[in-house]
Amino acid sequence: PWLHWVVDFTAERSSRELWQLRRDKNVGAWIDLATTSLCNSIGIAAAFFVEARLFALSNIRLGARIVAEEVGGILAGRGVRPQGATATGLVALEWLLVGGGLYFQFVRGTSGPASVLR
């Protein structure tokens, strides 16, 4: 709705012919269709932008959890029960991996097609 207001405001402040063109039934319908399409396109682009970042964030978090659980499984297989300091170390490992993933995905980025920020 705000873009429709901007178009109307601009047409009011411009020449008389443009204002009449805007008020024409056929041309007005095309202008309304164009502004609605533009708003929809901006919304879709914003959704993809946010989704790409949230998808990367969830993959970073899930991947770090899987790695930490597997390290715990390896330690349990060798007779070390993840308790106390070992369990705290696994949590620290998980968050260290999350921090590294965030850094490499969002701060440093990549130059390939899988880059989130470019």
Protein backbone atom coordinates (compact mmCIF):
# COMPACT_ATOMS: atom_id res chain seq x y z
CA PRO A 1 0.00 0.00 0.00
CA TRP A 2 2.82 2.49 0.70
CA LEU A 3 4.19 2.09 -2.83
CA HIS A 4 0.73 2.83 -4.26
CA TRP A 5 0.69 5.96 -2.09
CA VAL A 6 4.12 6.99 -3.42
CA VAL A 7 2.94 6.53 -7.01
CA ASP A 8 -0.20 8.58 -6.36
CA PHE A 9 1.77 11.27 -4.52
CA THR A 10 4.28 11.51 -7.36
CA ALA A 11 1.55 11.63 -9.99
CA GLU A 12 -0.25 14.41 -8.09
CA ARG A 13 2.89 16.53 -7.92
CA SER A 14 3.83 16.00 -11.57
CA SER A 15 2.25 17.31 -14.73
CA ARG A 16 -1.50 17.35 -15.31
CA GLU A 17 -1.20 14.86 -18.16
CA LEU A 18 0.55 12.31 -15.97
CA TRP A 19 -2.11 12.71 -13.28
CA GLN A 20 -4.84 12.14 -15.88
CA LEU A 21 -2.95 9.12 -17.17
CA ARG A 22 -2.76 7.74 -13.63
CA ARG A 23 -6.51 8.24 -13.18
CA ASP A 24 -7.30 6.48 -16.48
CA LYS A 25 -9.02 3.15 -15.78
CA ASN A 26 -6.87 0.99 -18.08
CA VAL A 27 -3.52 2.63 -17.40
CA GLY A 28 -4.26 2.79 -13.67
CA ALA A 29 -4.88 -0.96 -13.63
CA TRP A 30 -1.50 -1.56 -15.30
CA ILE A 31 0.25 0.77 -12.85
CA ASP A 32 -1.42 -0.98 -9.91
CA LEU A 33 -0.38 -4.37 -11.33
CA ALA A 34 3.21 -3.16 -11.77
CA THR A 35 3.45 -1.77 -8.22
CA THR A 36 1.89 -4.91 -6.74
CA SER A 37 4.32 -7.08 -8.73
CA LEU A 38 7.25 -4.96 -7.56
CA CYS A 39 6.15 -5.27 -3.91
CA ASN A 40 5.76 -9.04 -4.28
CA SER A 41 9.20 -9.32 -5.85
CA ILE A 42 10.79 -7.31 -3.04
CA GLY A 43 9.05 -9.54 -0.49
CA ILE A 44 10.27 -12.72 -2.17
CA ALA A 45 13.82 -11.38 -2.40
CA ALA A 46 13.76 -10.46 1.30
CA ALA A 47 12.43 -13.91 2.20
CA PHE A 48 15.20 -15.63 0.24
CA PHE A 49 17.80 -13.35 1.83
CA VAL A 50 16.65 -14.20 5.35
CA GLU A 51 16.12 -17.89 4.57
CA ALA A 52 19.67 -18.30 3.23
CA ARG A 53 21.13 -16.93 6.44
CA LEU A 54 18.86 -18.93 8.73
CA PHE A 55 19.53 -22.10 6.74
CA ALA A 56 23.28 -21.59 7.11
CA LEU A 57 22.89 -20.85 10.82
CA SER A 58 20.83 -23.99 11.46
CA ASN A 59 23.30 -26.13 9.49
CA ILE A 60 26.21 -24.71 11.48
CA ARG A 61 24.45 -25.48 14.77
CA LEU A 62 23.35 -28.97 13.73
CA GLY A 63 26.74 -29.89 12.27
CA ALA A 64 28.54 -28.80 15.44
CA ARG A 65 26.17 -30.87 17.57
CA ILE A 66 26.69 -33.96 15.39
CA VAL A 67 30.48 -33.63 15.54
CA ALA A 68 30.46 -33.17 19.33
CA GLU A 69 28.16 -36.20 19.79
CA GLU A 70 30.39 -38.33 17.58
CA VAL A 71 33.46 -37.31 19.56
CA GLY A 72 31.55 -38.29 22.70
CA GLY A 73 30.71 -41.63 21.06
CA ILE A 74 34.34 -42.24 20.18
CA LEU A 75 35.37 -41.45 23.75
CA ALA A 76 32.64 -43.73 25.13
CA GLY A 77 33.82 -46.50 22.80
CA ARG A 78 37.30 -46.19 24.30
CA GLY A 79 35.96 -46.45 27.82
CA VAL A 80 35.84 -42.75 28.71
CA ARG A 81 32.40 -41.78 29.96
CA PRO A 82 31.49 -38.17 29.04
CA GLN A 83 30.89 -36.90 32.60
CA GLY A 84 32.00 -33.81 34.42
CA ALA A 85 34.95 -32.18 32.70
CA THR A 86 34.66 -34.41 29.62
CA ALA A 87 31.00 -33.48 29.12
CA THR A 88 31.87 -29.81 29.62
CA GLY A 89 34.67 -30.23 27.10
CA LEU A 90 32.20 -31.64 24.56
CA VAL A 91 29.86 -28.69 25.08
CA ALA A 92 32.84 -26.34 24.69
CA LEU A 93 33.86 -28.20 21.52
CA GLU A 94 30.35 -27.84 20.14
CA TRP A 95 30.26 -24.09 20.74
CA LEU A 96 33.80 -23.69 19.42
CA LEU A 97 32.68 -25.38 16.21
CA VAL A 98 29.59 -23.14 16.08
CA GLY A 99 31.81 -20.07 16.46
CA GLY A 100 34.16 -21.27 13.76
CA GLY A 101 31.27 -22.05 11.43
CA LEU A 102 29.75 -18.61 11.99
CA TYR A 103 33.08 -16.96 11.31
CA PHE A 104 33.82 -18.88 8.13
CA GLN A 105 30.26 -18.64 6.79
CA PHE A 106 29.32 -15.07 7.65
CA VAL A 107 32.46 -13.08 8.45
CA ARG A 108 35.13 -14.50 6.20
CA GLY A 109 32.74 -15.87 3.60
CA THR A 110 33.68 -17.83 0.52
CA SER A 111 34.28 -16.79 -3.04
CA GLY A 112 32.34 -19.68 -4.54
CA PRO A 113 28.68 -20.12 -5.42
CA ALA A 114 27.94 -21.37 -1.88
CA SER A 115 28.72 -18.00 -0.29
CA VAL A 116 26.00 -16.63 1.94
CA LEU A 117 27.05 -12.99 1.96
CA ARG A 118 27.92 -12.50 -1.67
